[in-house]
Amino acid sequence: MSEEESLSLPEKAYRTVTPGSSTRPDMEMDSIGWTMFLILVVLMVPLLPFIVIVYVFSKLFDYLAAQRGSGET
């Protein structure tokens, strides 16, 4: 049996001429991601009450329109 016949399907699909690379933690990108997340949280928390008010009014108007009837036939 040749080497190619003994390889499993994932090994056949993964065959490459470049050497494999080992994974390592990427602390620089991790800190950038956390910084972006914290900036978004700081920006969104003050806007949260307005978002909730708009959502509640939207649901209220949808409910009132359904109760009244939209007038479309």
Protein backbone atom coordinates (compact mmCIF):
# COMPACT_ATOMS: atom_id res chain seq x y z
CA MET A 1 0.00 0.00 0.00
CA SER A 2 1.40 3.40 -0.90
CA GLU A 3 1.47 6.40 1.41
CA GLU A 4 -1.30 8.15 -0.52
CA GLU A 5 -3.65 5.19 -0.14
CA SER A 6 -3.17 5.04 3.64
CA LEU A 7 -4.09 8.70 4.20
CA SER A 8 -7.54 9.45 5.57
CA LEU A 9 -9.84 11.96 3.88
CA PRO A 10 -8.95 14.95 6.14
CA GLU A 11 -5.26 14.20 5.68
CA LYS A 12 -5.71 14.10 1.90
CA ALA A 13 -7.58 17.40 1.92
CA TYR A 14 -4.98 19.04 4.18
CA ARG A 15 -1.92 18.05 2.17
CA THR A 16 0.19 21.12 1.45
CA VAL A 17 3.76 22.03 0.57
CA THR A 18 4.01 24.78 3.17
CA PRO A 19 4.94 23.90 6.73
CA GLY A 20 2.17 24.06 9.31
CA SER A 21 2.09 26.94 11.71
CA SER A 22 1.49 26.63 15.40
CA THR A 23 -1.18 28.71 17.08
CA ARG A 24 -0.30 31.24 19.70
CA PRO A 25 -2.27 33.81 21.67
CA ASP A 26 -2.47 37.16 19.92
CA MET A 27 -2.49 39.60 22.82
CA GLU A 28 -2.27 42.70 20.61
CA MET A 29 -5.45 41.92 18.68
CA ASP A 30 -7.14 40.75 21.86
CA SER A 31 -6.52 44.11 23.54
CA ILE A 32 -7.77 45.97 20.44
CA GLY A 33 -10.95 43.88 20.46
CA TRP A 34 -11.60 44.55 24.14
CA THR A 35 -10.94 48.26 23.64
CA MET A 36 -13.46 48.43 20.78
CA PHE A 37 -16.02 46.52 22.89
CA LEU A 38 -15.61 48.88 25.84
CA ILE A 39 -15.91 51.95 23.59
CA LEU A 40 -19.15 50.57 22.13
CA VAL A 41 -20.50 49.87 25.62
CA VAL A 42 -19.65 53.40 26.76
CA LEU A 43 -21.43 54.82 23.69
CA MET A 44 -24.49 52.56 23.83
CA VAL A 45 -25.30 52.66 27.56
CA PRO A 46 -26.36 56.35 27.51
CA LEU A 47 -28.46 55.68 24.38
CA LEU A 48 -30.16 52.63 25.85
CA PRO A 49 -33.09 54.51 27.48
CA PHE A 50 -33.90 56.21 24.16
CA ILE A 51 -33.74 52.91 22.30
CA VAL A 52 -36.12 51.37 24.84
CA ILE A 53 -38.53 54.32 24.56
CA VAL A 54 -38.59 54.11 20.76
CA TYR A 55 -39.15 50.34 20.95
CA VAL A 56 -42.02 50.70 23.43
CA PHE A 57 -43.72 53.44 21.39
CA SER A 58 -43.31 51.34 18.24
CA LYS A 59 -44.98 48.35 19.86
CA LEU A 60 -47.71 50.58 21.32
CA PHE A 61 -48.51 52.16 17.95
CA ASP A 62 -48.53 48.74 16.27
CA TYR A 63 -50.96 47.47 18.90
CA LEU A 64 -53.22 50.52 18.55
CA ALA A 65 -53.19 50.23 14.77
CA ALA A 66 -54.19 46.57 14.99
CA GLN A 67 -57.02 47.40 17.43
CA ARG A 68 -58.33 50.24 15.30
CA GLY A 69 -57.91 48.41 12.03
CA SER A 70 -55.53 49.57 9.40
CA GLY A 71 -58.35 50.43 6.96
CA GLU A 72 -56.78 48.31 4.23
CA THR A 73 -59.09 45.76 2.62
